[in-house]
Amino acid sequence: MSDLFWLTDAQMARLEPSFPEFYGKPRVDGKHVLSGIIFFNHNGLRCLAAPKEYGLHKAFYNRWTRWNEKGIFAQMMVSLVANAKLPPMATS
């Protein structure tokens, strides 16, 4: 399927520090789940429409719900912006 969105290893490495610690049973692969969450958000929060390549829709829906409630996505965005190499602003 050509319209799948996959995070690169470099993108995952930048986001990794924002992931909360987990205990107990190992999680589903973060790259698949986070890519599924991006698909989920981009397509109007219809997790059942997600391609099977992202894994179980319940996994990324549950993680999206928990991380959203805890503000983890907001922390990820702040971290990405803080670490972004933006071009200098033009002055007039």
C-alpha atoms as a PDB file:
ATOM      1  CA  MET A   1       0.000   0.000   0.000  1.00  0.00           C
ATOM      2  CA  SER A   2       1.709   3.173  -1.171  1.00  0.00           C
ATOM      3  CA  ASP A   3      -0.157   5.653   1.028  1.00  0.00           C
ATOM      4  CA  LEU A   4       1.200   4.271   4.300  1.00  0.00           C
ATOM      5  CA  PHE A   5       3.074   6.722   6.473  1.00  0.00           C
ATOM      6  CA  TRP A   6       6.084   5.359   8.330  1.00  0.00           C
ATOM      7  CA  LEU A   7       8.273   7.326  10.679  1.00  0.00           C
ATOM      8  CA  THR A   8      11.963   7.048   9.911  1.00  0.00           C
ATOM      9  CA  ASP A   9      14.442   5.698  12.467  1.00  0.00           C
ATOM     10  CA  ALA A  10      15.781   9.249  12.901  1.00  0.00           C
ATOM     11  CA  GLN A  11      12.282  10.581  13.617  1.00  0.00           C
ATOM     12  CA  MET A  12      11.665   7.799  16.118  1.00  0.00           C
ATOM     13  CA  ALA A  13      14.977   8.532  17.846  1.00  0.00           C
ATOM     14  CA  ARG A  14      13.950  12.183  18.254  1.00  0.00           C
ATOM     15  CA  LEU A  15      10.600  11.185  19.751  1.00  0.00           C
ATOM     16  CA  GLU A  16      11.887   8.363  21.972  1.00  0.00           C
ATOM     17  CA  PRO A  17      12.708  10.600  24.992  1.00  0.00           C
ATOM     18  CA  SER A  18       9.057  11.711  25.102  1.00  0.00           C
ATOM     19  CA  PHE A  19       7.699   8.189  25.447  1.00  0.00           C
ATOM     20  CA  PRO A  20       6.541   7.346  28.972  1.00  0.00           C
ATOM     21  CA  GLU A  21       8.138   4.433  30.784  1.00  0.00           C
ATOM     22  CA  PHE A  22       6.127   1.262  30.795  1.00  0.00           C
ATOM     23  CA  TYR A  23       5.942  -1.626  33.186  1.00  0.00           C
ATOM     24  CA  GLY A  24       4.896  -5.212  32.741  1.00  0.00           C
ATOM     25  CA  LYS A  25       4.105  -6.687  29.354  1.00  0.00           C
ATOM     26  CA  PRO A  26       6.228  -5.323  26.461  1.00  0.00           C
ATOM     27  CA  ARG A  27       4.435  -2.898  24.171  1.00  0.00           C
ATOM     28  CA  VAL A  28       3.587  -3.253  20.525  1.00  0.00           C
ATOM     29  CA  ASP A  29       6.297  -1.808  18.262  1.00  0.00           C
ATOM     30  CA  GLY A  30       6.308   1.976  18.787  1.00  0.00           C
ATOM     31  CA  LYS A  31       7.068   2.782  15.149  1.00  0.00           C
ATOM     32  CA  HIS A  32       4.001   0.905  13.939  1.00  0.00           C
ATOM     33  CA  VAL A  33       1.738   2.294  16.647  1.00  0.00           C
ATOM     34  CA  LEU A  34       2.896   5.899  16.274  1.00  0.00           C
ATOM     35  CA  SER A  35       2.571   5.678  12.480  1.00  0.00           C
ATOM     36  CA  GLY A  36      -0.945   4.285  13.019  1.00  0.00           C
ATOM     37  CA  ILE A  37      -1.759   7.176  15.350  1.00  0.00           C
ATOM     38  CA  ILE A  38      -0.621   9.674  12.717  1.00  0.00           C
ATOM     39  CA  PHE A  39      -2.833   7.900  10.158  1.00  0.00           C
ATOM     40  CA  PHE A  40      -5.674   7.882  12.706  1.00  0.00           C
ATOM     41  CA  ASN A  41      -5.390  11.642  13.299  1.00  0.00           C
ATOM     42  CA  HIS A  42      -4.983  12.445   9.612  1.00  0.00           C
ATOM     43  CA  ASN A  43      -8.076  10.471   8.620  1.00  0.00           C
ATOM     44  CA  GLY A  44     -10.646  11.886  10.992  1.00  0.00           C
ATOM     45  CA  LEU A  45     -10.100   9.610  13.990  1.00  0.00           C
ATOM     46  CA  ARG A  46     -11.437   6.530  12.218  1.00  0.00           C
ATOM     47  CA  CYS A  47      -9.188   3.840  13.647  1.00  0.00           C
ATOM     48  CA  LEU A  48     -11.103   1.015  11.980  1.00  0.00           C
ATOM     49  CA  ALA A  49     -10.117   2.479   8.594  1.00  0.00           C
ATOM     50  CA  ALA A  50      -6.409   2.067   9.360  1.00  0.00           C
ATOM     51  CA  PRO A  51      -4.520  -0.415   7.173  1.00  0.00           C
ATOM     52  CA  LYS A  52      -3.585  -3.683   8.871  1.00  0.00           C
ATOM     53  CA  GLU A  53       0.124  -2.878   8.326  1.00  0.00           C
ATOM     54  CA  TYR A  54      -0.041  -0.548  11.326  1.00  0.00           C
ATOM     55  CA  GLY A  55      -1.103  -3.378  13.614  1.00  0.00           C
ATOM     56  CA  LEU A  56      -4.201  -3.718  15.735  1.00  0.00           C
ATOM     57  CA  HIS A  57      -6.310  -0.574  15.655  1.00  0.00           C
ATOM     58  CA  LYS A  58      -7.125  -1.099  19.322  1.00  0.00           C
ATOM     59  CA  ALA A  59      -3.423  -0.796  20.222  1.00  0.00           C
ATOM     60  CA  PHE A  60      -2.918   2.616  18.671  1.00  0.00           C
ATOM     61  CA  TYR A  61      -6.361   3.866  19.718  1.00  0.00           C
ATOM     62  CA  ASN A  62      -5.679   2.951  23.365  1.00  0.00           C
ATOM     63  CA  ARG A  63      -2.220   4.469  23.283  1.00  0.00           C
ATOM     64  CA  TRP A  64      -3.518   7.630  21.565  1.00  0.00           C
ATOM     65  CA  THR A  65      -6.194   7.988  24.250  1.00  0.00           C
ATOM     66  CA  ARG A  66      -3.789   7.490  27.177  1.00  0.00           C
ATOM     67  CA  TRP A  67      -1.041   9.696  25.728  1.00  0.00           C
ATOM     68  CA  ASN A  68      -3.502  12.422  24.814  1.00  0.00           C
ATOM     69  CA  GLU A  69      -4.935  12.481  28.347  1.00  0.00           C
ATOM     70  CA  LYS A  70      -1.426  12.679  29.845  1.00  0.00           C
ATOM     71  CA  GLY A  71      -0.280  15.458  27.491  1.00  0.00           C
ATOM     72  CA  ILE A  72       2.441  13.289  25.948  1.00  0.00           C
ATOM     73  CA  PHE A  73       1.663  14.385  22.388  1.00  0.00           C
ATOM     74  CA  ALA A  74       1.951  18.016  23.430  1.00  0.00           C
ATOM     75  CA  GLN A  75       5.346  17.237  25.010  1.00  0.00           C
ATOM     76  CA  MET A  76       6.463  15.534  21.780  1.00  0.00           C
ATOM     77  CA  MET A  77       5.545  18.576  19.705  1.00  0.00           C
ATOM     78  CA  VAL A  78       7.296  20.967  22.095  1.00  0.00           C
ATOM     79  CA  SER A  79      10.391  18.752  22.004  1.00  0.00           C
ATOM     80  CA  LEU A  80      10.391  18.566  18.212  1.00  0.00           C
ATOM     81  CA  VAL A  81      10.016  22.324  17.847  1.00  0.00           C
ATOM     82  CA  ALA A  82      12.714  22.999  20.443  1.00  0.00           C
ATOM     83  CA  ASN A  83      15.150  20.715  18.609  1.00  0.00           C
ATOM     84  CA  ALA A  84      14.225  21.887  15.108  1.00  0.00           C
ATOM     85  CA  LYS A  85      16.890  23.534  13.031  1.00  0.00           C
ATOM     86  CA  LEU A  86      14.893  26.394  11.619  1.00  0.00           C
ATOM     87  CA  PRO A  87      16.294  28.862   9.115  1.00  0.00           C
ATOM     88  CA  PRO A  88      16.965  32.348  10.488  1.00  0.00           C
ATOM     89  CA  MET A  89      14.054  34.747  10.244  1.00  0.00           C
ATOM     90  CA  ALA A  90      14.323  37.573   7.775  1.00  0.00           C
ATOM     91  CA  THR A  91      14.466  41.033   9.271  1.00  0.00           C
ATOM     92  CA  SER A  92      13.174  44.105   7.568  1.00  0.00           C
END
